[in-house]
N, C-alpha and C. Protein backbone atom coordinates (compact mmCIF):
# COMPACT_ATOMS: atom_id res chain seq x y z
N MET A 1 18.33 -10.13 14.33
CA MET A 1 18.97 -10.90 13.26
C MET A 1 18.93 -10.12 11.95
N GLY A 2 17.78 -9.55 11.62
CA GLY A 2 17.66 -8.79 10.40
C GLY A 2 18.62 -7.62 10.36
N ASP A 3 18.83 -6.98 11.49
CA ASP A 3 19.75 -5.85 11.57
C ASP A 3 21.15 -6.26 11.14
N LYS A 4 21.61 -7.39 11.61
CA LYS A 4 22.94 -7.88 11.28
C LYS A 4 23.05 -8.18 9.78
N ARG A 5 22.00 -8.77 9.21
CA ARG A 5 22.01 -9.07 7.77
C ARG A 5 21.99 -7.79 6.95
N VAL A 6 21.23 -6.80 7.41
CA VAL A 6 21.18 -5.51 6.71
C VAL A 6 22.57 -4.88 6.70
N ARG A 7 23.21 -4.84 7.86
CA ARG A 7 24.56 -4.26 7.94
C ARG A 7 25.55 -5.03 7.07
N ARG A 8 25.43 -6.34 7.08
CA ARG A 8 26.34 -7.17 6.30
C ARG A 8 26.15 -6.95 4.80
N SER A 9 24.90 -6.87 4.33
CA SER A 9 24.66 -6.68 2.90
C SER A 9 25.05 -5.26 2.47
N ARG A 10 24.79 -4.26 3.31
CA ARG A 10 25.23 -2.88 3.01
C ARG A 10 26.75 -2.82 2.91
N ALA A 11 27.42 -3.43 3.89
CA ALA A 11 28.88 -3.43 3.90
C ALA A 11 29.44 -4.17 2.68
N ALA A 12 28.81 -5.27 2.30
CA ALA A 12 29.26 -6.01 1.12
C ALA A 12 29.13 -5.16 -0.14
N LEU A 13 28.04 -4.42 -0.26
CA LEU A 13 27.85 -3.55 -1.43
C LEU A 13 28.86 -2.41 -1.44
N VAL A 14 29.09 -1.77 -0.30
CA VAL A 14 30.05 -0.67 -0.21
C VAL A 14 31.45 -1.17 -0.54
N ASP A 15 31.85 -2.29 0.07
CA ASP A 15 33.18 -2.84 -0.21
C ASP A 15 33.33 -3.22 -1.68
N ALA A 16 32.30 -3.82 -2.25
CA ALA A 16 32.35 -4.20 -3.66
C ALA A 16 32.47 -2.96 -4.55
N ALA A 17 31.74 -1.90 -4.20
CA ALA A 17 31.80 -0.67 -4.99
C ALA A 17 33.21 -0.10 -4.99
N VAL A 18 33.84 -0.04 -3.81
CA VAL A 18 35.20 0.48 -3.73
C VAL A 18 36.15 -0.38 -4.55
N ARG A 19 36.04 -1.68 -4.38
CA ARG A 19 36.94 -2.60 -5.07
C ARG A 19 36.77 -2.55 -6.59
N VAL A 20 35.52 -2.62 -7.07
CA VAL A 20 35.27 -2.69 -8.51
C VAL A 20 35.61 -1.36 -9.19
N VAL A 21 35.23 -0.25 -8.56
CA VAL A 21 35.55 1.06 -9.14
C VAL A 21 37.07 1.25 -9.20
N ALA A 22 37.77 0.87 -8.14
CA ALA A 22 39.23 1.01 -8.13
C ALA A 22 39.87 0.12 -9.19
N GLU A 23 39.38 -1.09 -9.34
CA GLU A 23 39.94 -2.00 -10.35
C GLU A 23 39.74 -1.46 -11.76
N ARG A 24 38.56 -0.95 -12.04
CA ARG A 24 38.24 -0.50 -13.40
C ARG A 24 38.57 0.96 -13.65
N GLY A 25 38.73 1.74 -12.60
CA GLY A 25 39.05 3.15 -12.76
C GLY A 25 37.92 3.98 -13.33
N THR A 26 36.69 3.52 -13.16
CA THR A 26 35.53 4.24 -13.69
C THR A 26 34.31 3.95 -12.82
N THR A 27 33.34 4.86 -12.88
CA THR A 27 32.06 4.61 -12.20
C THR A 27 31.03 4.07 -13.18
N SER A 28 31.41 3.90 -14.42
CA SER A 28 30.51 3.33 -15.43
C SER A 28 30.47 1.82 -15.27
N ILE A 29 29.85 1.40 -14.22
CA ILE A 29 29.77 -0.02 -13.87
C ILE A 29 28.30 -0.36 -13.70
N SER A 30 27.91 -1.48 -14.22
CA SER A 30 26.49 -1.84 -14.13
C SER A 30 26.12 -2.27 -12.71
N VAL A 31 24.85 -2.12 -12.41
CA VAL A 31 24.32 -2.57 -11.13
C VAL A 31 24.57 -4.06 -10.98
N THR A 32 24.41 -4.79 -12.06
CA THR A 32 24.63 -6.24 -12.02
C THR A 32 26.07 -6.56 -11.62
N ASP A 33 27.03 -5.85 -12.20
CA ASP A 33 28.43 -6.09 -11.84
C ASP A 33 28.67 -5.82 -10.36
N LEU A 34 28.09 -4.76 -9.84
CA LEU A 34 28.27 -4.42 -8.42
C LEU A 34 27.62 -5.46 -7.51
N THR A 35 26.41 -5.86 -7.85
CA THR A 35 25.72 -6.82 -6.99
C THR A 35 26.36 -8.20 -7.07
N GLU A 36 26.86 -8.58 -8.24
CA GLU A 36 27.57 -9.86 -8.34
C GLU A 36 28.86 -9.83 -7.53
N ALA A 37 29.57 -8.71 -7.56
CA ALA A 37 30.81 -8.59 -6.78
C ALA A 37 30.53 -8.64 -5.28
N ALA A 38 29.36 -8.14 -4.88
CA ALA A 38 28.98 -8.15 -3.47
C ALA A 38 28.26 -9.44 -3.07
N ASP A 39 27.90 -10.23 -4.07
CA ASP A 39 27.15 -11.48 -3.85
C ASP A 39 25.81 -11.21 -3.16
N VAL A 40 25.12 -10.18 -3.68
CA VAL A 40 23.77 -9.86 -3.20
C VAL A 40 22.88 -9.63 -4.42
N SER A 41 21.59 -9.51 -4.18
CA SER A 41 20.66 -9.29 -5.28
C SER A 41 20.60 -7.81 -5.66
N ARG A 42 20.17 -7.58 -6.89
CA ARG A 42 19.94 -6.20 -7.36
C ARG A 42 18.93 -5.50 -6.48
N LYS A 43 17.93 -6.26 -6.06
CA LYS A 43 16.87 -5.71 -5.21
C LYS A 43 17.47 -5.10 -3.93
N LEU A 44 18.46 -5.76 -3.35
CA LEU A 44 19.08 -5.24 -2.13
C LEU A 44 19.80 -3.92 -2.39
N LEU A 45 20.47 -3.80 -3.53
CA LEU A 45 21.12 -2.52 -3.84
C LEU A 45 20.07 -1.41 -3.90
N TYR A 46 18.99 -1.65 -4.61
CA TYR A 46 17.95 -0.62 -4.72
C TYR A 46 17.27 -0.36 -3.39
N LEU A 47 17.10 -1.38 -2.59
CA LEU A 47 16.47 -1.23 -1.28
C LEU A 47 17.34 -0.40 -0.35
N HIS A 48 18.64 -0.67 -0.33
CA HIS A 48 19.56 0.02 0.58
C HIS A 48 19.97 1.41 0.10
N PHE A 49 20.14 1.56 -1.19
CA PHE A 49 20.75 2.80 -1.70
C PHE A 49 19.89 3.57 -2.70
N GLY A 50 18.92 2.95 -3.30
CA GLY A 50 18.08 3.63 -4.28
C GLY A 50 18.59 3.48 -5.69
N ASP A 51 19.88 3.71 -5.89
CA ASP A 51 20.47 3.55 -7.22
C ASP A 51 21.99 3.40 -7.11
N ARG A 52 22.60 3.16 -8.23
CA ARG A 52 24.04 2.91 -8.28
C ARG A 52 24.85 4.11 -7.79
N ASP A 53 24.49 5.31 -8.24
CA ASP A 53 25.26 6.48 -7.84
C ASP A 53 25.19 6.73 -6.34
N ALA A 54 24.04 6.50 -5.73
CA ALA A 54 23.92 6.65 -4.28
C ALA A 54 24.84 5.66 -3.57
N LEU A 55 24.96 4.45 -4.10
CA LEU A 55 25.89 3.46 -3.54
C LEU A 55 27.32 3.96 -3.66
N LEU A 56 27.68 4.52 -4.81
CA LEU A 56 29.05 5.00 -5.01
C LEU A 56 29.37 6.16 -4.06
N VAL A 57 28.41 7.05 -3.86
CA VAL A 57 28.60 8.15 -2.91
C VAL A 57 28.77 7.60 -1.50
N ALA A 58 27.92 6.65 -1.13
CA ALA A 58 28.02 6.03 0.20
C ALA A 58 29.37 5.34 0.38
N ALA A 59 29.87 4.72 -0.67
CA ALA A 59 31.17 4.06 -0.60
C ALA A 59 32.29 5.08 -0.39
N ALA A 60 32.20 6.23 -1.07
CA ALA A 60 33.21 7.28 -0.89
C ALA A 60 33.17 7.84 0.53
N VAL A 61 31.98 8.06 1.05
CA VAL A 61 31.84 8.56 2.42
C VAL A 61 32.37 7.53 3.41
N ASP A 62 32.00 6.27 3.21
CA ASP A 62 32.45 5.21 4.11
C ASP A 62 33.98 5.12 4.13
N LEU A 63 34.58 5.15 2.97
CA LEU A 63 36.04 5.06 2.87
C LEU A 63 36.69 6.26 3.57
N THR A 64 36.15 7.45 3.37
CA THR A 64 36.69 8.66 4.00
C THR A 64 36.49 8.61 5.51
N GLU A 65 35.32 8.17 5.95
CA GLU A 65 35.06 8.09 7.39
C GLU A 65 35.93 7.03 8.07
N ARG A 66 36.23 5.95 7.37
CA ARG A 66 37.13 4.94 7.94
C ARG A 66 38.51 5.54 8.18
N TRP A 67 39.00 6.35 7.23
CA TRP A 67 40.27 7.03 7.44
C TRP A 67 40.16 7.96 8.66
N ALA A 68 39.10 8.74 8.73
CA ALA A 68 38.92 9.71 9.81
C ALA A 68 38.88 9.02 11.17
N ALA A 69 38.19 7.91 11.26
CA ALA A 69 38.07 7.20 12.53
C ALA A 69 39.39 6.55 12.93
N ALA A 70 40.13 6.06 11.97
CA ALA A 70 41.39 5.36 12.25
C ALA A 70 42.45 6.29 12.81
N ASP A 71 42.44 7.54 12.39
CA ASP A 71 43.50 8.47 12.77
C ASP A 71 43.01 9.60 13.67
N ALA A 72 41.91 9.41 14.35
CA ALA A 72 41.27 10.48 15.12
C ALA A 72 42.16 11.05 16.22
N ALA A 73 43.02 10.25 16.83
CA ALA A 73 43.80 10.72 17.97
C ALA A 73 45.13 11.37 17.59
N GLU A 74 45.50 11.33 16.33
CA GLU A 74 46.80 11.86 15.93
C GLU A 74 46.82 13.38 15.90
N ASP A 75 48.02 13.94 16.00
CA ASP A 75 48.15 15.39 15.91
C ASP A 75 47.80 15.83 14.49
N PRO A 76 47.40 17.09 14.32
CA PRO A 76 46.93 17.55 13.01
C PRO A 76 47.92 17.37 11.86
N ALA A 77 49.20 17.60 12.11
CA ALA A 77 50.19 17.46 11.03
C ALA A 77 50.28 16.00 10.57
N ALA A 78 50.28 15.08 11.51
CA ALA A 78 50.33 13.66 11.16
C ALA A 78 49.05 13.23 10.45
N ARG A 79 47.91 13.80 10.84
CA ARG A 79 46.64 13.47 10.19
C ARG A 79 46.65 13.90 8.73
N LEU A 80 47.26 15.05 8.44
CA LEU A 80 47.33 15.52 7.06
C LEU A 80 48.14 14.55 6.20
N VAL A 81 49.25 14.06 6.76
CA VAL A 81 50.06 13.08 6.03
C VAL A 81 49.26 11.80 5.82
N LYS A 82 48.57 11.34 6.87
CA LYS A 82 47.77 10.12 6.75
C LYS A 82 46.63 10.30 5.75
N LEU A 83 46.01 11.49 5.74
CA LEU A 83 44.97 11.77 4.75
C LEU A 83 45.54 11.66 3.34
N ALA A 84 46.68 12.30 3.12
CA ALA A 84 47.30 12.27 1.80
C ALA A 84 47.68 10.84 1.39
N GLN A 85 48.20 10.07 2.34
CA GLN A 85 48.55 8.68 2.05
C GLN A 85 47.29 7.86 1.74
N HIS A 86 46.23 8.10 2.49
CA HIS A 86 44.96 7.41 2.25
C HIS A 86 44.43 7.73 0.85
N LEU A 87 44.44 9.01 0.50
CA LEU A 87 43.95 9.42 -0.82
C LEU A 87 44.81 8.84 -1.94
N ALA A 88 46.12 8.80 -1.73
CA ALA A 88 47.01 8.22 -2.75
C ALA A 88 46.77 6.72 -2.89
N GLU A 89 46.59 6.05 -1.76
CA GLU A 89 46.34 4.61 -1.78
C GLU A 89 45.05 4.27 -2.51
N HIS A 90 44.05 5.12 -2.40
CA HIS A 90 42.74 4.89 -3.02
C HIS A 90 42.48 5.85 -4.17
N GLN A 91 43.55 6.33 -4.79
CA GLN A 91 43.42 7.36 -5.82
C GLN A 91 42.54 6.92 -7.00
N ARG A 92 42.69 5.70 -7.46
CA ARG A 92 41.86 5.25 -8.61
C ARG A 92 40.38 5.30 -8.26
N PHE A 93 40.04 4.91 -7.06
CA PHE A 93 38.64 4.96 -6.64
C PHE A 93 38.16 6.42 -6.56
N TYR A 94 38.89 7.25 -5.80
CA TYR A 94 38.47 8.64 -5.63
C TYR A 94 38.45 9.39 -6.96
N ARG A 95 39.44 9.15 -7.82
CA ARG A 95 39.47 9.82 -9.12
C ARG A 95 38.22 9.47 -9.92
N ALA A 96 37.86 8.21 -9.96
CA ALA A 96 36.67 7.79 -10.71
C ALA A 96 35.40 8.40 -10.12
N VAL A 97 35.28 8.37 -8.82
CA VAL A 97 34.07 8.89 -8.17
C VAL A 97 33.98 10.41 -8.30
N LEU A 98 35.12 11.09 -8.19
CA LEU A 98 35.11 12.57 -8.25
C LEU A 98 35.08 13.11 -9.67
N SER A 99 35.10 12.21 -10.66
CA SER A 99 34.99 12.67 -12.05
C SER A 99 33.90 11.93 -12.81
N GLY A 100 33.18 11.05 -12.14
CA GLY A 100 32.14 10.26 -12.80
C GLY A 100 30.76 10.86 -12.64
N SER A 101 29.76 10.04 -12.86
CA SER A 101 28.37 10.50 -12.86
C SER A 101 27.90 11.00 -11.50
N CYS A 102 28.56 10.59 -10.44
CA CYS A 102 28.15 11.01 -9.09
C CYS A 102 29.13 12.03 -8.50
N ALA A 103 29.91 12.69 -9.33
CA ALA A 103 30.98 13.57 -8.86
C ALA A 103 30.49 14.66 -7.92
N PHE A 104 29.44 15.36 -8.29
CA PHE A 104 28.97 16.46 -7.44
C PHE A 104 28.50 15.94 -6.10
N ALA A 105 27.67 14.91 -6.10
CA ALA A 105 27.15 14.36 -4.85
C ALA A 105 28.28 13.80 -3.98
N ALA A 106 29.24 13.13 -4.59
CA ALA A 106 30.37 12.58 -3.83
C ALA A 106 31.21 13.69 -3.23
N SER A 107 31.49 14.72 -4.02
CA SER A 107 32.27 15.85 -3.53
C SER A 107 31.58 16.52 -2.35
N GLU A 108 30.28 16.75 -2.47
CA GLU A 108 29.52 17.37 -1.37
C GLU A 108 29.52 16.48 -0.13
N ALA A 109 29.38 15.19 -0.30
CA ALA A 109 29.34 14.27 0.84
C ALA A 109 30.70 14.19 1.53
N ILE A 110 31.78 14.14 0.77
CA ILE A 110 33.12 14.11 1.36
C ILE A 110 33.40 15.45 2.04
N LYS A 111 32.98 16.53 1.42
CA LYS A 111 33.15 17.86 2.03
C LYS A 111 32.45 17.91 3.39
N LYS A 112 31.31 17.26 3.52
CA LYS A 112 30.59 17.21 4.80
C LYS A 112 31.43 16.48 5.85
N VAL A 113 32.08 15.39 5.46
CA VAL A 113 32.97 14.68 6.39
C VAL A 113 34.09 15.62 6.83
N PHE A 114 34.70 16.33 5.89
CA PHE A 114 35.76 17.29 6.23
C PHE A 114 35.22 18.40 7.12
N SER A 115 34.00 18.88 6.87
CA SER A 115 33.40 19.93 7.72
C SER A 115 33.27 19.45 9.15
N ASP A 116 32.76 18.25 9.33
CA ASP A 116 32.61 17.70 10.67
C ASP A 116 33.96 17.58 11.38
N LEU A 117 35.00 17.19 10.65
CA LEU A 117 36.33 17.06 11.23
C LEU A 117 36.93 18.42 11.58
N ASN A 118 36.66 19.42 10.75
CA ASN A 118 37.27 20.74 10.92
C ASN A 118 36.57 21.63 11.94
N ARG A 119 35.39 21.26 12.36
CA ARG A 119 34.60 22.12 13.25
C ARG A 119 35.36 22.45 14.54
N THR A 120 36.01 21.48 15.15
CA THR A 120 36.75 21.71 16.39
C THR A 120 37.90 22.69 16.15
N THR A 121 38.63 22.49 15.08
CA THR A 121 39.75 23.37 14.76
C THR A 121 39.27 24.79 14.52
N VAL A 122 38.21 24.93 13.76
CA VAL A 122 37.66 26.26 13.47
C VAL A 122 37.18 26.92 14.77
N THR A 123 36.58 26.16 15.66
CA THR A 123 36.13 26.70 16.94
C THR A 123 37.30 27.24 17.75
N LEU A 124 38.42 26.53 17.73
CA LEU A 124 39.60 27.00 18.45
C LEU A 124 40.19 28.26 17.83
N LEU A 125 40.19 28.33 16.52
CA LEU A 125 40.77 29.49 15.83
C LEU A 125 39.90 30.74 15.97
N PHE A 126 38.60 30.54 15.89
CA PHE A 126 37.67 31.68 15.88
C PHE A 126 36.64 31.49 16.97
N ASP A 127 37.07 31.59 18.21
CA ASP A 127 36.20 31.28 19.34
C ASP A 127 35.15 32.35 19.63
N ASP A 128 35.26 33.51 19.03
CA ASP A 128 34.32 34.59 19.35
C ASP A 128 33.24 34.79 18.28
N VAL A 129 33.05 33.82 17.39
CA VAL A 129 32.03 33.96 16.35
C VAL A 129 30.74 33.25 16.77
N ASP A 130 29.64 33.76 16.25
CA ASP A 130 28.36 33.12 16.56
C ASP A 130 28.22 31.81 15.81
N GLU A 131 27.20 31.04 16.16
CA GLU A 131 27.03 29.68 15.61
C GLU A 131 26.86 29.69 14.09
N ASP A 132 26.11 30.66 13.54
CA ASP A 132 25.93 30.72 12.08
C ASP A 132 27.24 31.01 11.36
N ALA A 133 28.02 31.93 11.90
CA ALA A 133 29.31 32.25 11.30
C ALA A 133 30.25 31.05 11.41
N LEU A 134 30.20 30.35 12.55
CA LEU A 134 31.02 29.16 12.74
C LEU A 134 30.68 28.12 11.68
N ASP A 135 29.40 27.92 11.41
CA ASP A 135 28.98 26.99 10.37
C ASP A 135 29.54 27.41 9.01
N ASP A 136 29.45 28.71 8.71
CA ASP A 136 29.95 29.21 7.43
C ASP A 136 31.46 29.04 7.28
N VAL A 137 32.20 29.36 8.33
CA VAL A 137 33.66 29.24 8.28
C VAL A 137 34.05 27.77 8.14
N THR A 138 33.36 26.88 8.84
CA THR A 138 33.65 25.45 8.75
C THR A 138 33.42 24.95 7.34
N VAL A 139 32.32 25.33 6.73
CA VAL A 139 32.03 24.93 5.35
C VAL A 139 33.06 25.53 4.40
N PHE A 140 33.43 26.78 4.63
CA PHE A 140 34.43 27.45 3.81
C PHE A 140 35.75 26.69 3.82
N PHE A 141 36.24 26.33 5.01
CA PHE A 141 37.49 25.58 5.11
C PHE A 141 37.37 24.21 4.45
N ALA A 142 36.27 23.51 4.72
CA ALA A 142 36.08 22.17 4.15
C ALA A 142 36.02 22.24 2.62
N ALA A 143 35.34 23.25 2.09
CA ALA A 143 35.25 23.40 0.63
C ALA A 143 36.63 23.67 0.03
N GLY A 144 37.44 24.46 0.73
CA GLY A 144 38.80 24.72 0.25
C GLY A 144 39.65 23.47 0.25
N VAL A 145 39.58 22.71 1.33
CA VAL A 145 40.32 21.45 1.40
C VAL A 145 39.84 20.52 0.29
N MET A 146 38.53 20.44 0.11
CA MET A 146 37.97 19.55 -0.92
C MET A 146 38.41 19.99 -2.31
N ALA A 147 38.48 21.29 -2.56
CA ALA A 147 38.93 21.78 -3.87
C ALA A 147 40.38 21.37 -4.14
N ILE A 148 41.22 21.48 -3.13
CA ILE A 148 42.62 21.08 -3.29
C ILE A 148 42.72 19.58 -3.50
N VAL A 149 42.01 18.82 -2.68
CA VAL A 149 42.02 17.36 -2.80
C VAL A 149 41.50 16.95 -4.17
N HIS A 150 40.41 17.56 -4.60
CA HIS A 150 39.82 17.22 -5.90
C HIS A 150 40.81 17.46 -7.04
N SER A 151 41.45 18.62 -7.04
CA SER A 151 42.41 18.91 -8.13
C SER A 151 43.61 17.98 -8.05
N TRP A 152 44.03 17.62 -6.86
CA TRP A 152 45.17 16.72 -6.69
C TRP A 152 44.82 15.31 -7.16
N ILE A 153 43.64 14.84 -6.79
CA ILE A 153 43.20 13.48 -7.15
C ILE A 153 42.93 13.35 -8.64
N THR A 154 42.18 14.29 -9.20
CA THR A 154 41.75 14.15 -10.59
C THR A 154 42.77 14.69 -11.58
N GLY A 155 43.70 15.53 -11.13
CA GLY A 155 44.65 16.14 -12.05
C GLY A 155 45.89 15.32 -12.32
N ALA A 156 46.24 14.44 -11.44
CA ALA A 156 47.48 13.67 -11.61
C ALA A 156 47.24 12.44 -12.48
N GLU A 157 48.06 12.28 -13.47
CA GLU A 157 47.93 11.12 -14.35
C GLU A 157 48.59 9.89 -13.73
N SER A 158 49.69 10.10 -13.02
CA SER A 158 50.35 8.99 -12.36
C SER A 158 49.98 9.06 -10.88
N PRO A 159 50.33 8.07 -10.10
CA PRO A 159 49.99 8.16 -8.67
C PRO A 159 50.54 9.46 -8.07
N ALA A 160 49.67 10.17 -7.40
CA ALA A 160 50.03 11.46 -6.83
C ALA A 160 50.95 11.27 -5.62
N GLU A 161 51.80 12.23 -5.39
CA GLU A 161 52.74 12.20 -4.29
C GLU A 161 52.04 12.70 -3.01
N PRO A 162 51.82 11.81 -2.04
CA PRO A 162 51.06 12.20 -0.85
C PRO A 162 51.73 13.29 -0.02
N TYR A 163 53.05 13.31 0.05
CA TYR A 163 53.71 14.32 0.88
C TYR A 163 53.56 15.71 0.28
N ALA A 164 53.43 15.81 -1.03
CA ALA A 164 53.20 17.12 -1.66
C ALA A 164 51.84 17.66 -1.26
N LEU A 165 50.82 16.81 -1.26
CA LEU A 165 49.49 17.24 -0.82
C LEU A 165 49.51 17.60 0.66
N ALA A 166 50.13 16.76 1.48
CA ALA A 166 50.19 17.04 2.92
C ALA A 166 50.87 18.38 3.17
N GLU A 167 51.92 18.67 2.44
CA GLU A 167 52.62 19.94 2.63
C GLU A 167 51.75 21.12 2.20
N ARG A 168 51.02 20.98 1.11
CA ARG A 168 50.09 22.05 0.69
C ARG A 168 49.07 22.32 1.78
N LEU A 169 48.49 21.26 2.34
CA LEU A 169 47.47 21.43 3.37
C LEU A 169 48.08 21.95 4.68
N ARG A 170 49.28 21.51 5.01
CA ARG A 170 49.96 22.02 6.22
C ARG A 170 50.26 23.51 6.07
N ARG A 171 50.72 23.91 4.89
CA ARG A 171 51.04 25.31 4.64
C ARG A 171 49.79 26.18 4.83
N LEU A 172 48.67 25.73 4.28
CA LEU A 172 47.43 26.48 4.47
C LEU A 172 46.99 26.50 5.93
N SER A 173 47.15 25.38 6.59
CA SER A 173 46.81 25.29 8.00
C SER A 173 47.62 26.30 8.82
N ARG A 174 48.92 26.39 8.54
CA ARG A 174 49.77 27.35 9.26
C ARG A 174 49.33 28.78 8.99
N ILE A 175 48.97 29.08 7.75
CA ILE A 175 48.52 30.44 7.42
C ILE A 175 47.26 30.78 8.20
N PHE A 176 46.29 29.89 8.19
CA PHE A 176 45.04 30.18 8.87
C PHE A 176 45.18 30.15 10.40
N THR A 177 46.08 29.31 10.89
CA THR A 177 46.31 29.28 12.33
C THR A 177 46.93 30.59 12.79
N SER A 178 47.90 31.09 12.05
CA SER A 178 48.53 32.36 12.44
C SER A 178 47.55 33.51 12.26
N THR A 179 46.71 33.47 11.23
CA THR A 179 45.72 34.52 11.01
C THR A 179 44.67 34.51 12.11
N GLY A 180 44.22 33.34 12.49
CA GLY A 180 43.23 33.22 13.55
C GLY A 180 43.76 33.73 14.87
N LYS A 181 45.02 33.40 15.20
CA LYS A 181 45.63 33.86 16.46
C LYS A 181 45.88 35.36 16.42
N ALA A 182 46.27 35.88 15.25
CA ALA A 182 46.55 37.31 15.13
C ALA A 182 45.27 38.14 15.28
N ALA A 183 44.15 37.57 14.91
CA ALA A 183 42.88 38.29 14.98
C ALA A 183 42.39 38.46 16.42
N ARG A 184 42.96 37.69 17.34
CA ARG A 184 42.49 37.77 18.74
C ARG A 184 42.99 38.97 19.44
């Protein structure tokens, strides 16, 4: 029973964080505002996350992982479009998180999600590298994707055009795919 309540209160806090940050366009939100929006106590936020910024990072990771899980079976080109659409749909939230007090931690955490997603692709492109090099190449690609996403999310004053981002990422994907195949 306690497990279900823990999951429910964590989910309520994460959902409230996404909603409130997106509505206000900032991460400068009090713990009280977040806990009231989630209808939980301040104590629960501190118990589950430690502090407000950790909650905001967890919310960014959760939102990114939900996108990743929803589109896991799609072909890579379609996934890039869906990623761009997801980021555009949640641009106010991501912009606030990637430029607020938790920006570095959020960027690193989202980059980790991208690394986990890219590992299979990197393995296919560079099948003859050792495990340490594979880790490095995966992080390298994820950091590059995150840098492009970060500049796209935080640089646009109006809602960003998702197809422009998808095309940028597809173009890079084609370059690295042809480079990886040529190296064999």
